[in-house]
PDB file of N, CA and C in Angstrom:
ATOM      1  N   UNK A   1     272.695  28.338  65.642  1.00  0.00           N
ATOM      2  CA  UNK A   1     272.403  29.549  64.730  1.00  0.00           C
ATOM      3  C   UNK A   1     271.145  30.093  64.752  1.00  0.00           C
ATOM      4  N   UNK A   2     271.053  31.134  63.959  1.00  0.00           N
ATOM      5  CA  UNK A   2     270.022  31.964  64.657  1.00  0.00           C
ATOM      6  C   UNK A   2     268.530  31.395  63.848  1.00  0.00           C
ATOM      7  N   UNK A   3     268.719  31.015  62.808  1.00  0.00           N
ATOM      8  CA  UNK A   3     267.504  30.831  61.892  1.00  0.00           C
ATOM      9  C   UNK A   3     267.310  29.086  62.552  1.00  0.00           C
ATOM     10  N   UNK A   4     267.394  28.879  63.565  1.00  0.00           N
ATOM     11  CA  UNK A   4     267.230  27.767  64.397  1.00  0.00           C
ATOM     12  C   UNK A   4     267.816  26.399  63.580  1.00  0.00           C
ATOM     13  N   UNK A   5     268.547  26.567  62.742  1.00  0.00           N
ATOM     14  CA  UNK A   5     269.621  24.878  62.489  1.00  0.00           C
ATOM     15  C   UNK A   5     270.701  24.633  63.182  1.00  0.00           C
ATOM     16  N   UNK A   6     270.701  23.247  63.585  1.00  0.00           N
ATOM     17  CA  UNK A   6     272.228  22.819  64.306  1.00  0.00           C
ATOM     18  C   UNK A   6     272.821  22.481  63.025  1.00  0.00           C
ATOM     19  N   UNK A   7     274.084  23.073  63.540  1.00  0.00           N
ATOM     20  CA  UNK A   7     274.980  22.295  62.344  1.00  0.00           C
ATOM     21  C   UNK A   7     276.084  21.269  63.328  1.00  0.00           C
ATOM     22  N   UNK A   8     275.797  20.192  62.700  1.00  0.00           N
ATOM     23  CA  UNK A   8     276.942  19.376  63.440  1.00  0.00           C
ATOM     24  C   UNK A   8     278.260  19.152  63.164  1.00  0.00           C
ATOM     25  N   UNK A   9     279.585  18.737  64.179  1.00  0.00           N
ATOM     26  CA  UNK A   9     280.372  18.758  63.650  1.00  0.00           C
ATOM     27  C   UNK A   9     280.910  17.420  62.893  1.00  0.00           C
ATOM     28  N   UNK A  10     281.916  17.321  62.253  1.00  0.00           N
ATOM     29  CA  UNK A  10     281.439  16.068  61.419  1.00  0.00           C
ATOM     30  C   UNK A  10     282.723  15.029  62.341  1.00  0.00           C
ATOM     31  N   UNK A  11     282.013  13.837  62.311  1.00  0.00           N
ATOM     32  CA  UNK A  11     283.177  13.030  62.806  1.00  0.00           C
ATOM     33  C   UNK A  11     284.286  12.600  62.637  1.00  0.00           C
ATOM     34  N   UNK A  12     285.440  12.240  63.373  1.00  0.00           N
ATOM     35  CA  UNK A  12     286.924  12.169  63.039  1.00  0.00           C
ATOM     36  C   UNK A  12     286.754  10.923  62.490  1.00  0.00           C
ATOM     37  N   UNK A  13     287.613  10.863  61.488  1.00  0.00           N
ATOM     38  CA  UNK A  13     288.116   9.957  60.282  1.00  0.00           C
ATOM     39  C   UNK A  13     288.006   8.617  60.858  1.00  0.00           C
ATOM     40  N   UNK A  14     288.610   8.242  62.127  1.00  0.00           N
ATOM     41  CA  UNK A  14     288.745   6.982  62.906  1.00  0.00           C
ATOM     42  C   UNK A  14     287.492   6.569  63.398  1.00  0.00           C
ATOM     43  N   UNK A  15     286.454   7.248  63.437  1.00  0.00           N
ATOM     44  CA  UNK A  15     285.168   6.767  64.953  1.00  0.00           C
ATOM     45  C   UNK A  15     283.990   6.293  63.895  1.00  0.00           C
ATOM     46  N   UNK A  16     283.950   5.116  64.567  1.00  0.00           N
ATOM     47  CA  UNK A  16     283.036   4.171  63.971  1.00  0.00           C
ATOM     48  C   UNK A  16     281.989   3.663  65.065  1.00  0.00           C
ATOM     49  N   UNK A  17     281.813   4.467  66.085  1.00  0.00           N
ATOM     50  CA  UNK A  17     281.038   4.644  67.033  1.00  0.00           C
ATOM     51  C   UNK A  17     279.640   5.308  67.048  1.00  0.00           C
ATOM     52  N   UNK A  18     278.685   5.178  67.697  1.00  0.00           N
ATOM     53  CA  UNK A  18     277.291   6.326  67.726  1.00  0.00           C
ATOM     54  C   UNK A  18     278.203   7.877  67.515  1.00  0.00           C
ATOM     55  N   UNK A  19     276.982   8.596  67.207  1.00  0.00           N
ATOM     56  CA  UNK A  19     277.164   9.616  67.055  1.00  0.00           C
ATOM     57  C   UNK A  19     276.147  10.487  68.244  1.00  0.00           C
ATOM     58  N   UNK A  20     276.835  10.787  69.425  1.00  0.00           N
ATOM     59  CA  UNK A  20     276.199  11.025  70.478  1.00  0.00           C
ATOM     60  C   UNK A  20     275.925  13.003  70.816  1.00  0.00           C
ATOM     61  N   UNK A  21     274.965  12.941  71.663  1.00  0.00           N
ATOM     62  CA  UNK A  21     274.686  14.253  71.787  1.00  0.00           C
ATOM     63  C   UNK A  21     273.873  15.013  72.856  1.00  0.00           C
ATOM     64  N   UNK A  22     274.537  15.983  73.448  1.00  0.00           N
ATOM     65  CA  UNK A  22     273.836  16.292  74.680  1.00  0.00           C
ATOM     66  C   UNK A  22     273.452  17.743  74.627  1.00  0.00           C
ATOM     67  N   UNK A  23     271.554  17.623  75.438  1.00  0.00           N
ATOM     68  CA  UNK A  23     271.299  18.889  74.452  1.00  0.00           C
ATOM     69  C   UNK A  23     270.580  19.606  76.401  1.00  0.00           C
ATOM     70  N   UNK A  24     270.569  21.085  76.844  1.00  0.00           N
ATOM     71  CA  UNK A  24     270.236  21.628  77.559  1.00  0.00           C
ATOM     72  C   UNK A  24     269.457  22.219  77.757  1.00  0.00           C
ATOM     73  N   UNK A  25     268.238  22.178  78.435  1.00  0.00           N
ATOM     74  CA  UNK A  25     267.055  23.221  78.749  1.00  0.00           C
ATOM     75  C   UNK A  25     266.705  23.898  80.164  1.00  0.00           C
ATOM     76  N   UNK A  26     266.996  25.356  79.899  1.00  0.00           N
ATOM     77  CA  UNK A  26     267.010  25.592  81.429  1.00  0.00           C
ATOM     78  C   UNK A  26     265.421  26.570  81.511  1.00  0.00           C
ATOM     79  N   UNK A  27     264.374  25.732  82.265  1.00  0.00           N
ATOM     80  CA  UNK A  27     262.901  25.948  82.163  1.00  0.00           C
ATOM     81  C   UNK A  27     262.936  27.402  82.865  1.00  0.00           C
ATOM     82  N   UNK A  28     262.110  28.195  82.547  1.00  0.00           N
ATOM     83  CA  UNK A  28     261.880  30.050  82.706  1.00  0.00           C
ATOM     84  C   UNK A  28     261.193  29.330  84.225  1.00  0.00           C
ATOM     85  N   UNK A  29     261.180  30.382  85.389  1.00  0.00           N
ATOM     86  CA  UNK A  29     260.398  29.936  86.540  1.00  0.00           C
ATOM     87  C   UNK A  29     258.911  29.756  86.266  1.00  0.00           C
ATOM     88  N   UNK A  30     258.340  29.060  86.782  1.00  0.00           N
ATOM     89  CA  UNK A  30     256.706  28.203  86.620  1.00  0.00           C
ATOM     90  C   UNK A  30     256.695  27.420  85.156  1.00  0.00           C
ATOM     91  N   UNK A  31     257.725  27.476  84.271  1.00  0.00           N
ATOM     92  CA  UNK A  31     257.450  26.535  83.474  1.00  0.00           C
ATOM     93  C   UNK A  31     258.237  25.012  83.465  1.00  0.00           C
ATOM     94  N   UNK A  32     258.656  24.609  84.340  1.00  0.00           N
ATOM     95  CA  UNK A  32     259.600  23.435  84.821  1.00  0.00           C
ATOM     96  C   UNK A  32     258.631  22.223  84.507  1.00  0.00           C
ATOM     97  N   UNK A  33     257.448  21.895  84.858  1.00  0.00           N
ATOM     98  CA  UNK A  33     256.499  20.855  84.430  1.00  0.00           C
ATOM     99  C   UNK A  33     256.444  21.140  82.785  1.00  0.00           C
ATOM    100  N   UNK A  34     255.931  21.966  82.395  1.00  0.00           N
ATOM    101  CA  UNK A  34     255.503  22.176  81.143  1.00  0.00           C
ATOM    102  C   UNK A  34     257.087  21.779  80.158  1.00  0.00           C
ATOM    103  N   UNK A  35     258.289  22.109  80.575  1.00  0.00           N
ATOM    104  CA  UNK A  35     259.581  21.766  79.713  1.00  0.00           C
ATOM    105  C   UNK A  35     259.462  20.308  79.862  1.00  0.00           C
ATOM    106  N   UNK A  36     259.430  19.778  81.360  1.00  0.00           N
ATOM    107  CA  UNK A  36     259.251  18.479  81.444  1.00  0.00           C
ATOM    108  C   UNK A  36     258.559  17.463  80.285  1.00  0.00           C
ATOM    109  N   UNK A  37     257.124  17.981  80.486  1.00  0.00           N
ATOM    110  CA  UNK A  37     256.191  17.471  79.896  1.00  0.00           C
ATOM    111  C   UNK A  37     256.758  17.337  78.462  1.00  0.00           C
ATOM    112  N   UNK A  38     256.932  18.437  77.728  1.00  0.00           N
ATOM    113  CA  UNK A  38     257.524  18.209  76.308  1.00  0.00           C
ATOM    114  C   UNK A  38     258.600  17.566  75.967  1.00  0.00           C
ATOM    115  N   UNK A  39     259.592  17.138  77.083  1.00  0.00           N
ATOM    116  CA  UNK A  39     260.784  16.414  76.354  1.00  0.00           C
ATOM    117  C   UNK A  39     260.227  14.852  76.671  1.00  0.00           C
ATOM    118  N   UNK A  40     259.586  14.633  77.814  1.00  0.00           N
ATOM    119  CA  UNK A  40     258.919  13.210  77.889  1.00  0.00           C
ATOM    120  C   UNK A  40     258.011  13.071  76.650  1.00  0.00           C
ATOM    121  N   UNK A  41     257.512  14.056  76.299  1.00  0.00           N
ATOM    122  CA  UNK A  41     256.768  13.759  75.224  1.00  0.00           C
ATOM    123  C   UNK A  41     257.470  13.007  73.740  1.00  0.00           C
ATOM    124  N   UNK A  42     258.368  13.751  73.640  1.00  0.00           N
ATOM    125  CA  UNK A  42     259.826  13.618  72.640  1.00  0.00           C
ATOM    126  C   UNK A  42     260.229  11.796  72.725  1.00  0.00           C
ATOM    127  N   UNK A  43     259.995  10.949  73.640  1.00  0.00           N
ATOM    128  CA  UNK A  43     260.699  10.219  74.086  1.00  0.00           C
ATOM    129  C   UNK A  43     260.163   8.825  73.213  1.00  0.00           C
ATOM    130  N   UNK A  44     259.076   8.739  73.207  1.00  0.00           N
ATOM    131  CA  UNK A  44     258.187   7.229  72.602  1.00  0.00           C
ATOM    132  C   UNK A  44     258.845   8.006  70.906  1.00  0.00           C
ATOM    133  N   UNK A  45     258.564   8.893  70.575  1.00  0.00           N
ATOM    134  CA  UNK A  45     258.509   8.706  69.002  1.00  0.00           C
ATOM    135  C   UNK A  45     260.467   8.885  68.388  1.00  0.00           C
ATOM    136  N   UNK A  46     261.088   9.665  69.559  1.00  0.00           N
ATOM    137  CA  UNK A  46     262.454   9.688  68.878  1.00  0.00           C
ATOM    138  C   UNK A  46     263.196   8.207  69.290  1.00  0.00           C
ATOM    139  N   UNK A  47     262.559   7.522  70.287  1.00  0.00           N
ATOM    140  CA  UNK A  47     263.241   6.140  70.385  1.00  0.00           C
ATOM    141  C   UNK A  47     262.720   4.946  68.811  1.00  0.00           C
ATOM    142  N   UNK A  48     261.625   5.409  68.678  1.00  0.00           N
ATOM    143  CA  UNK A  48     261.226   4.679  67.527  1.00  0.00           C
ATOM    144  C   UNK A  48     261.797   5.470  66.117  1.00  0.00           C
ATOM    145  N   UNK A  49     262.712   5.826  65.886  1.00  0.00           N
ATOM    146  CA  UNK A  49     263.476   6.852  64.900  1.00  0.00           C
ATOM    147  C   UNK A  49     264.270   5.330  64.334  1.00  0.00           C
ATOM    148  N   UNK A  50     264.413   5.485  63.238  1.00  0.00           N
ATOM    149  CA  UNK A  50     265.537   4.648  62.488  1.00  0.00           C
ATOM    150  C   UNK A  50     267.143   5.024  62.826  1.00  0.00           C
ATOM    151  N   UNK A  51     268.161   4.539  63.375  1.00  0.00           N
ATOM    152  CA  UNK A  51     269.189   4.639  63.799  1.00  0.00           C
ATOM    153  C   UNK A  51     269.402   5.273  65.081  1.00  0.00           C
ATOM    154  N   UNK A  52     268.235   5.392  65.817  1.00  0.00           N
ATOM    155  CA  UNK A  52     268.468   6.166  67.456  1.00  0.00           C
ATOM    156  C   UNK A  52     268.485   4.681  68.222  1.00  0.00           C
ATOM    157  N   UNK A  53     269.472   5.004  69.133  1.00  0.00           N
ATOM    158  CA  UNK A  53     270.233   4.255  70.064  1.00  0.00           C
ATOM    159  C   UNK A  53     269.852   4.020  71.347  1.00  0.00           C
ATOM    160  N   UNK A  54     269.585   5.759  71.687  1.00  0.00           N
ATOM    161  CA  UNK A  54     269.233   5.766  73.545  1.00  0.00           C
ATOM    162  C   UNK A  54     269.079   6.999  73.009  1.00  0.00           C
ATOM    163  N   UNK A  55     267.775   7.210  74.309  1.00  0.00           N
ATOM    164  CA  UNK A  55     267.172   8.828  74.512  1.00  0.00           C
ATOM    165  C   UNK A  55     267.035   8.998  75.790  1.00  0.00           C
ATOM    166  N   UNK A  56     267.444   9.391  76.238  1.00  0.00           N
ATOM    167  CA  UNK A  56     267.496   9.836  78.217  1.00  0.00           C
ATOM    168  C   UNK A  56     267.227  11.073  78.615  1.00  0.00           C
ATOM    169  N   UNK A  57     266.337  11.369  79.615  1.00  0.00           N
ATOM    170  CA  UNK A  57     266.056  12.515  80.078  1.00  0.00           C
ATOM    171  C   UNK A  57     266.327  12.733  81.477  1.00  0.00           C
ATOM    172  N   UNK A  58     267.018  13.913  81.675  1.00  0.00           N
ATOM    173  CA  UNK A  58     267.356  14.092  83.307  1.00  0.00           C
ATOM    174  C   UNK A  58     267.141  15.206  83.549  1.00  0.00           C
ATOM    175  N   UNK A  59     266.754  15.694  84.483  1.00  0.00           N
ATOM    176  CA  UNK A  59     266.903  16.771  85.356  1.00  0.00           C
ATOM    177  C   UNK A  59     268.012  16.805  86.622  1.00  0.00           C
ATOM    178  N   UNK A  60     268.399  18.077  86.693  1.00  0.00           N
ATOM    179  CA  UNK A  60     269.224  18.408  87.755  1.00  0.00           C
ATOM    180  C   UNK A  60     269.006  18.480  89.348  1.00  0.00           C
ATOM    181  N   UNK A  61     269.771  17.394  89.908  1.00  0.00           N
ATOM    182  CA  UNK A  61     268.799  17.334  91.206  1.00  0.00           C
ATOM    183  C   UNK A  61     269.400  18.812  92.414  1.00  0.00           C
ATOM    184  N   UNK A  62     270.353  19.071  91.847  1.00  0.00           N
ATOM    185  CA  UNK A  62     270.332  21.064  92.429  1.00  0.00           C
ATOM    186  C   UNK A  62     269.665  21.902  91.904  1.00  0.00           C
ATOM    187  N   UNK A  63     269.319  22.019  91.047  1.00  0.00           N
ATOM    188  CA  UNK A  63     268.357  23.739  90.076  1.00  0.00           C
ATOM    189  C   UNK A  63     267.820  22.468  89.279  1.00  0.00           C
ATOM    190  N   UNK A  64     266.669  22.505  89.939  1.00  0.00           N
ATOM    191  CA  UNK A  64     265.251  21.382  89.357  1.00  0.00           C
ATOM    192  C   UNK A  64     264.846  22.211  87.983  1.00  0.00           C
ATOM    193  N   UNK A  65     265.339  23.360  87.345  1.00  0.00           N
ATOM    194  CA  UNK A  65     265.014  24.126  86.070  1.00  0.00           C
ATOM    195  C   UNK A  65     265.643  23.457  85.137  1.00  0.00           C
ATOM    196  N   UNK A  66     266.887  23.026  85.602  1.00  0.00           N
ATOM    197  CA  UNK A  66     267.510  22.150  84.321  1.00  0.00           C
ATOM    198  C   UNK A  66     267.535  21.053  84.006  1.00  0.00           C
ATOM    199  N   UNK A  67     267.289  20.797  82.462  1.00  0.00           N
ATOM    200  CA  UNK A  67     267.190  19.544  82.148  1.00  0.00           C
ATOM    201  C   UNK A  67     268.082  19.057  81.044  1.00  0.00           C
ATOM    202  N   UNK A  68     268.798  18.095  81.158  1.00  0.00           N
ATOM    203  CA  UNK A  68     269.704  17.349  80.462  1.00  0.00           C
ATOM    204  C   UNK A  68     269.125  16.316  79.721  1.00  0.00           C
ATOM    205  N   UNK A  69     269.322  16.605  78.252  1.00  0.00           N
ATOM    206  CA  UNK A  69     269.146  15.624  77.376  1.00  0.00           C
ATOM    207  C   UNK A  69     270.236  14.593  76.761  1.00  0.00           C
ATOM    208  N   UNK A  70     270.208  13.227  76.813  1.00  0.00           N
ATOM    209  CA  UNK A  70     271.378  12.245  76.309  1.00  0.00           C
ATOM    210  C   UNK A  70     270.724  11.568  75.471  1.00  0.00           C
ATOM    211  N   UNK A  71     270.990  11.654  73.685  1.00  0.00           N
ATOM    212  CA  UNK A  71     270.786  10.890  72.829  1.00  0.00           C
ATOM    213  C   UNK A  71     271.972  10.367  72.035  1.00  0.00           C
ATOM    214  N   UNK A  72     271.702   9.197  71.320  1.00  0.00           N
ATOM    215  CA  UNK A  72     272.769   8.561  70.834  1.00  0.00           C
ATOM    216  C   UNK A  72     272.106   8.304  69.455  1.00  0.00           C
ATOM    217  N   UNK A  73     272.754   8.314  68.512  1.00  0.00           N
ATOM    218  CA  UNK A  73     272.173   7.855  67.230  1.00  0.00           C
ATOM    219  C   UNK A  73     273.506   6.837  66.128  1.00  0.00           C
ATOM    220  N   UNK A  74     273.280   5.827  65.503  1.00  0.00           N
ATOM    221  CA  UNK A  74     274.443   5.177  64.710  1.00  0.00           C
ATOM    222  C   UNK A  74     275.115   5.983  63.809  1.00  0.00           C
ATOM    223  N   UNK A  75     274.528   7.566  63.316  1.00  0.00           N
ATOM    224  CA  UNK A  75     275.485   8.241  62.931  1.00  0.00           C
ATOM    225  C   UNK A  75     275.343   9.334  62.939  1.00  0.00           C
ATOM    226  N   UNK A  76     275.991  10.488  62.577  1.00  0.00           N
ATOM    227  CA  UNK A  76     275.741  11.356  61.887  1.00  0.00           C
ATOM    228  C   UNK A  76     274.404  11.753  61.264  1.00  0.00           C
ATOM    229  N   UNK A  77     274.406  10.880  60.267  1.00  0.00           N
ATOM    230  CA  UNK A  77     273.414  11.056  59.183  1.00  0.00           C
ATOM    231  C   UNK A  77     272.067  10.996  60.130  1.00  0.00           C
ATOM    232  N   UNK A  78     272.220   9.960  60.798  1.00  0.00           N
ATOM    233  CA  UNK A  78     270.776   9.593  61.540  1.00  0.00           C
ATOM    234  C   UNK A  78     270.163  10.498  62.899  1.00  0.00           C
ATOM    235  N   UNK A  79     271.221  11.271  63.057  1.00  0.00           N
ATOM    236  CA  UNK A  79     270.989  12.449  64.089  1.00  0.00           C
ATOM    237  C   UNK A  79     270.389  13.739  63.086  1.00  0.00           C
ATOM    238  N   UNK A  80     271.083  13.923  61.832  1.00  0.00           N
ATOM    239  CA  UNK A  80     270.375  14.820  60.911  1.00  0.00           C
ATOM    240  C   UNK A  80     269.073  14.588  60.788  1.00  0.00           C
ATOM    241  N   UNK A  81     269.132  13.462  60.096  1.00  0.00           N
ATOM    242  CA  UNK A  81     267.368  13.279  59.781  1.00  0.00           C
ATOM    243  C   UNK A  81     266.174  13.451  61.108  1.00  0.00           C
ATOM    244  N   UNK A  82     266.788  13.203  62.276  1.00  0.00           N
ATOM    245  CA  UNK A  82     266.195  12.767  63.430  1.00  0.00           C
ATOM    246  C   UNK A  82     265.782  14.590  63.529  1.00  0.00           C
ATOM    247  N   UNK A  83     266.852  15.307  63.251  1.00  0.00           N
ATOM    248  CA  UNK A  83     266.379  16.677  63.787  1.00  0.00           C
ATOM    249  C   UNK A  83     265.629  17.319  62.758  1.00  0.00           C
ATOM    250  N   UNK A  84     265.548  16.607  61.650  1.00  0.00           N
ATOM    251  CA  UNK A  84     264.679  17.655  60.486  1.00  0.00           C
ATOM    252  C   UNK A  84     263.060  16.630  60.738  1.00  0.00           C
ATOM    253  N   UNK A  85     262.893  15.914  61.597  1.00  0.00           N
ATOM    254  CA  UNK A  85     261.969  15.065  61.620  1.00  0.00           C
ATOM    255  C   UNK A  85     260.638  16.415  62.056  1.00  0.00           C
ATOM    256  N   UNK A  86     259.244  15.871  61.399  1.00  0.00           N
ATOM    257  CA  UNK A  86     258.106  16.838  62.415  1.00  0.00           C
ATOM    258  C   UNK A  86     258.465  16.852  63.316  1.00  0.00           C
ATOM    259  N   UNK A  87     258.287  15.593  64.600  1.00  0.00           N
ATOM    260  CA  UNK A  87     258.328  15.918  66.102  1.00  0.00           C
ATOM    261  C   UNK A  87     259.245  16.921  66.606  1.00  0.00           C
ATOM    262  N   UNK A  88     260.366  16.604  65.867  1.00  0.00           N
ATOM    263  CA  UNK A  88     261.567  17.128  66.345  1.00  0.00           C
ATOM    264  C   UNK A  88     261.284  18.667  66.325  1.00  0.00           C
ATOM    265  N   UNK A  89     260.697  19.195  64.838  1.00  0.00           N
ATOM    266  CA  UNK A  89     260.682  20.670  65.094  1.00  0.00           C
ATOM    267  C   UNK A  89     259.538  21.128  65.580  1.00  0.00           C
ATOM    268  N   UNK A  90     258.589  20.419  65.984  1.00  0.00           N
ATOM    269  CA  UNK A  90     257.481  20.987  66.815  1.00  0.00           C
ATOM    270  C   UNK A  90     257.884  21.063  68.176  1.00  0.00           C
ATOM    271  N   UNK A  91     258.627  19.912  68.657  1.00  0.00           N
ATOM    272  CA  UNK A  91     259.132  19.989  69.762  1.00  0.00           C
ATOM    273  C   UNK A  91     259.789  21.652  70.016  1.00  0.00           C
ATOM    274  N   UNK A  92     261.001  21.622  69.313  1.00  0.00           N
ATOM    275  CA  UNK A  92     261.891  23.309  69.415  1.00  0.00           C
ATOM    276  C   UNK A  92     260.815  24.014  69.156  1.00  0.00           C
ATOM    277  N   UNK A  93     260.013  24.225  68.727  1.00  0.00           N
ATOM    278  CA  UNK A  93     258.760  25.233  68.604  1.00  0.00           C
ATOM    279  C   UNK A  93     258.166  25.476  69.546  1.00  0.00           C
ATOM    280  N   UNK A  94     257.700  24.318  70.227  1.00  0.00           N
ATOM    281  CA  UNK A  94     256.644  24.443  71.512  1.00  0.00           C
ATOM    282  C   UNK A  94     257.595  24.571  72.954  1.00  0.00           C
ATOM    283  N   UNK A  95     258.805  24.342  72.910  1.00  0.00           N
ATOM    284  CA  UNK A  95     259.596  24.386  73.980  1.00  0.00           C
ATOM    285  C   UNK A  95     260.410  25.926  73.870  1.00  0.00           C
ATOM    286  N   UNK A  96     260.417  26.448  72.953  1.00  0.00           N
ATOM    287  CA  UNK A  96     261.021  27.631  73.370  1.00  0.00           C
ATOM    288  C   UNK A  96     260.580  28.481  74.078  1.00  0.00           C
ATOM    289  N   UNK A  97     259.184  29.200  73.957  1.00  0.00           N
ATOM    290  CA  UNK A  97     258.565  30.126  75.031  1.00  0.00           C
ATOM    291  C   UNK A  97     258.714  29.730  76.517  1.00  0.00           C
ATOM    292  N   UNK A  98     259.231  28.501  76.811  1.00  0.00           N
ATOM    293  CA  UNK A  98     259.196  28.192  78.169  1.00  0.00           C
ATOM    294  C   UNK A  98     260.868  28.029  78.796  1.00  0.00           C
ATOM    295  N   UNK A  99     261.751  28.178  78.045  1.00  0.00           N
ATOM    296  CA  UNK A  99     262.665  28.024  78.230  1.00  0.00           C
ATOM    297  C   UNK A  99     263.614  29.107  78.279  1.00  0.00           C
ATOM    298  N   UNK A 100     265.044  29.402  79.354  1.00  0.00           N
ATOM    299  CA  UNK A 100     265.611  30.759  78.969  1.00  0.00           C
ATOM    300  C   UNK A 100     266.823  30.575  77.948  1.00  0.00           C
ATOM    301  N   UNK A 101     266.471  31.319  77.171  1.00  0.00           N
ATOM    302  CA  UNK A 101     267.377  31.462  75.904  1.00  0.00           C
ATOM    303  C   UNK A 101     267.538  30.005  74.580  1.00  0.00           C
ATOM    304  N   UNK A 102     268.094  29.803  74.167  1.00  0.00           N
ATOM    305  CA  UNK A 102     268.341  28.695  73.067  1.00  0.00           C
ATOM    306  C   UNK A 102     268.954  27.696  73.826  1.00  0.00           C
ATOM    307  N   UNK A 103     268.551  26.600  73.372  1.00  0.00           N
ATOM    308  CA  UNK A 103     268.862  25.087  73.601  1.00  0.00           C
ATOM    309  C   UNK A 103     270.580  24.927  73.748  1.00  0.00           C
ATOM    310  N   UNK A 104     271.283  24.568  74.412  1.00  0.00           N
ATOM    311  CA  UNK A 104     272.303  24.676  74.966  1.00  0.00           C
ATOM    312  C   UNK A 104     272.908  22.874  74.145  1.00  0.00           C
ATOM    313  N   UNK A 105     273.970  22.904  73.118  1.00  0.00           N
ATOM    314  CA  UNK A 105     273.968  21.097  72.704  1.00  0.00           C
ATOM    315  C   UNK A 105     275.337  21.093  72.886  1.00  0.00           C
ATOM    316  N   UNK A 106     275.836  19.651  73.088  1.00  0.00           N
ATOM    317  CA  UNK A 106     277.159  19.436  72.727  1.00  0.00           C
ATOM    318  C   UNK A 106     276.902  17.986  72.125  1.00  0.00           C
ATOM    319  N   UNK A 107     277.910  18.063  71.215  1.00  0.00           N
ATOM    320  CA  UNK A 107     278.230  16.850  70.353  1.00  0.00           C
ATOM    321  C   UNK A 107     279.311  16.219  70.709  1.00  0.00           C
ATOM    322  N   UNK A 108     279.103  14.792  71.167  1.00  0.00           N
ATOM    323  CA  UNK A 108     280.085  14.335  71.775  1.00  0.00           C
ATOM    324  C   UNK A 108     280.588  12.533  70.652  1.00  0.00           C
ATOM    325  N   UNK A 109     281.979  12.551  71.217  1.00  0.00           N
ATOM    326  CA  UNK A 109     282.366  11.200  70.511  1.00  0.00           C
ATOM    327  C   UNK A 109     282.573  10.166  71.819  1.00  0.00           C
ATOM    328  N   UNK A 110     281.580   8.693  71.382  1.00  0.00           N
ATOM    329  CA  UNK A 110     281.683   7.931  72.549  1.00  0.00           C
ATOM    330  C   UNK A 110     282.991   7.206  72.481  1.00  0.00           C
ATOM    331  N   UNK A 111     283.581   7.455  73.590  1.00  0.00           N
ATOM    332  CA  UNK A 111     285.115   6.561  73.649  1.00  0.00           C
ATOM    333  C   UNK A 111     284.947   5.199  74.359  1.00  0.00           C
ATOM    334  N   UNK A 112     284.158   4.844  74.824  1.00  0.00           N
ATOM    335  CA  UNK A 112     283.629   3.061  75.526  1.00  0.00           C
ATOM    336  C   UNK A 112     283.162   2.551  74.261  1.00  0.00           C
ATOM    337  N   UNK A 113     283.189   1.444  74.629  1.00  0.00           N
ATOM    338  CA  UNK A 113     282.256   0.725  73.819  1.00  0.00           C
ATOM    339  C   UNK A 113     280.986   0.784  74.525  1.00  0.00           C
ATOM    340  N   UNK A 114     279.616   0.410  73.298  1.00  0.00           N
ATOM    341  CA  UNK A 114     278.378   0.116  74.253  1.00  0.00           C
ATOM    342  C   UNK A 114     278.197  -0.866  74.776  1.00  0.00           C
ATOM    343  N   UNK A 115     277.071  -1.123  75.915  1.00  0.00           N
ATOM    344  CA  UNK A 115     277.012  -2.102  76.397  1.00  0.00           C
ATOM    345  C   UNK A 115     276.635  -3.230  75.732  1.00  0.00           C
ATOM    346  N   UNK A 116     276.674  -4.354  75.942  1.00  0.00           N
ATOM    347  CA  UNK A 116     276.273  -5.709  75.175  1.00  0.00           C
ATOM    348  C   UNK A 116     274.727  -5.479  75.107  1.00  0.00           C
ATOM    349  N   UNK A 117     274.059  -5.784  73.703  1.00  0.00           N
ATOM    350  CA  UNK A 117     272.813  -5.644  73.841  1.00  0.00           C
ATOM    351  C   UNK A 117     272.167  -4.329  73.467  1.00  0.00           C
ATOM    352  N   UNK A 118     272.939  -3.099  73.674  1.00  0.00           N
ATOM    353  CA  UNK A 118     272.592  -1.859  73.090  1.00  0.00           C
ATOM    354  C   UNK A 118     273.597  -1.649  71.750  1.00  0.00           C
ATOM    355  N   UNK A 119     272.329  -0.909  70.983  1.00  0.00           N
ATOM    356  CA  UNK A 119     272.668  -0.275  69.581  1.00  0.00           C
ATOM    357  C   UNK A 119     272.635  -1.609  68.843  1.00  0.00           C
TER     358      UNK A 119
END
């Protein structure tokens, strides 16, 4: 949305697993290190959030300016609370000058079980 709010799709009625999200950030030329640092600075506070299961940062091997974030939460409500956190809002504000266009997002339904000991 143009005002920066993210509208999350509703989970399926039979869905009981985690609510998963992919985020894509394309760094502007010369901003790749800044984008990587901003995303990595989010790892610790996000992983400490109630309901956070996984948070992983990836960088495309062919296009070093493309970053992919994978995160999963216990529920849609937990992801909504994450998006409202001050550190998440600050991240979105700080990263915007360093990326091409808005952050692209996809919301996923997990079809497999979580690994033993995760979640």
